[in-house]
Protein backbone atom coordinates (compact mmCIF):
# COMPACT_ATOMS: atom_id res chain seq x y z
CA PRO A 1 -25.96 15.39 -21.07
CA PRO A 2 -27.62 16.44 -17.92
CA LYS A 3 -24.98 16.17 -14.78
CA GLY A 4 -25.36 12.91 -12.67
CA PRO A 5 -25.88 12.60 -8.81
CA VAL A 6 -21.75 11.75 -8.30
CA LEU A 7 -20.31 14.57 -6.77
CA LEU A 8 -16.79 12.94 -6.08
CA ASN A 9 -15.19 9.68 -5.57
CA TYR A 10 -14.31 9.82 -1.78
CA GLY A 11 -12.02 7.16 -1.62
CA ILE A 12 -11.04 3.07 -1.40
CA GLU A 13 -11.04 1.01 1.72
CA GLU A 14 -10.24 -3.02 2.28
CA ALA A 15 -8.99 -3.35 -1.17
CA ARG A 16 -7.38 -6.89 -1.88
CA PHE A 17 -6.07 -8.57 -5.07
CA THR A 18 -7.15 -12.39 -4.64
CA LYS A 19 -5.96 -13.58 -7.97
CA PRO A 20 -3.50 -12.62 -10.83
CA VAL A 21 -5.09 -11.34 -13.50
CA TYR A 22 -2.85 -11.23 -16.80
CA PRO A 23 -3.47 -9.18 -20.04
CA GLY A 24 -5.97 -10.73 -22.40
CA ALA A 25 -8.07 -12.05 -19.39
CA THR A 26 -11.88 -11.01 -19.34
CA ILE A 27 -13.17 -9.53 -16.46
CA GLN A 28 -16.31 -8.49 -14.88
CA VAL A 29 -17.37 -5.73 -12.22
CA ARG A 30 -19.91 -5.77 -9.95
CA PHE A 31 -20.82 -2.88 -7.99
CA THR A 32 -23.01 -3.64 -5.11
CA VAL A 33 -24.55 -0.84 -2.64
CA LYS A 34 -23.27 -1.50 1.07
CA GLU A 35 -24.30 1.15 2.85
CA LYS A 36 -25.40 4.74 2.48
CA VAL A 37 -24.55 7.77 5.05
CA ASP A 38 -26.65 11.11 5.20
CA GLN A 39 -24.86 14.25 5.37
CA GLU A 40 -25.73 17.17 6.79
CA LYS A 41 -26.65 20.36 4.46
CA LYS A 42 -24.05 22.59 5.26
CA PRO A 43 -25.72 26.40 5.63
CA LYS A 44 -23.98 28.39 2.76
CA THR A 45 -21.14 31.05 3.78
CA ASP A 46 -19.70 33.31 1.01
CA ASP A 47 -16.11 31.77 1.08
CA MET A 48 -17.96 28.31 0.49
CA PRO A 49 -16.76 26.83 -3.34
CA LYS A 50 -20.17 26.80 -5.47
CA GLY A 51 -22.06 23.82 -5.41
CA ALA A 52 -20.52 23.03 -2.14
CA ASP A 53 -23.91 23.55 -0.36
CA VAL A 54 -26.13 20.43 -1.46
CA ALA A 55 -27.28 18.13 0.38
CA SER A 56 -25.55 14.93 0.15
CA GLY A 57 -24.48 11.31 1.24
CA ILE A 58 -21.90 8.83 1.06
CA VAL A 59 -22.60 5.78 -0.83
CA LYS A 60 -20.20 2.55 0.34
CA PHE A 61 -20.14 0.40 -2.84
CA LEU A 62 -18.70 -3.18 -2.60
CA VAL A 63 -16.90 -3.97 -5.66
CA ASP A 64 -15.87 -7.28 -7.00
CA VAL A 65 -13.91 -8.03 -9.91
CA ILE A 66 -14.48 -11.64 -11.34
CA ASP A 67 -12.52 -13.46 -14.18
CA GLU A 68 -13.65 -15.58 -17.23
CA THR A 69 -14.14 -18.85 -14.84
CA GLY A 70 -16.06 -16.84 -11.95
CA GLU A 71 -13.45 -16.56 -9.77
CA THR A 72 -13.05 -13.33 -7.57
CA VAL A 73 -9.69 -11.50 -8.12
CA ALA A 74 -10.08 -8.35 -6.83
CA ILE A 75 -12.53 -6.93 -4.14
CA ALA A 76 -13.05 -3.50 -2.44
CA THR A 77 -15.06 -1.15 -1.08
CA ILE A 78 -15.20 2.29 -2.60
CA LEU A 79 -16.95 5.57 -1.11
CA THR A 80 -18.67 7.71 -3.54
CA MET A 81 -20.16 11.40 -2.58
CA VAL A 82 -23.63 11.88 -4.37
CA ARG A 83 -25.96 14.73 -4.36
CA LYS A 84 -29.25 13.64 -2.76
CA LEU A 85 -32.29 12.67 -5.16
CA ASP A 86 -34.73 15.55 -3.89
CA GLN A 87 -32.42 18.25 -4.85
CA SER A 88 -33.26 20.46 -7.99
């Protein structure tokens, strides 16, 4: 399959577990984009790893984990570095 836009998972912020979840429980995970942060494209240098000179940005996702009763059992913000869409 073709390579997707995700370059790397950058980190987790503000993670909270609000209710216990036990084996056998059914959960759903919902991702919502909270913020997009542009990053400047770095000029290519000889010591730069292959692919490090692409235009990219950080997408902050709000992640809600919901149990079968509709209650939130965990909430977090995750940071993902993505390639900008105009890259070839």
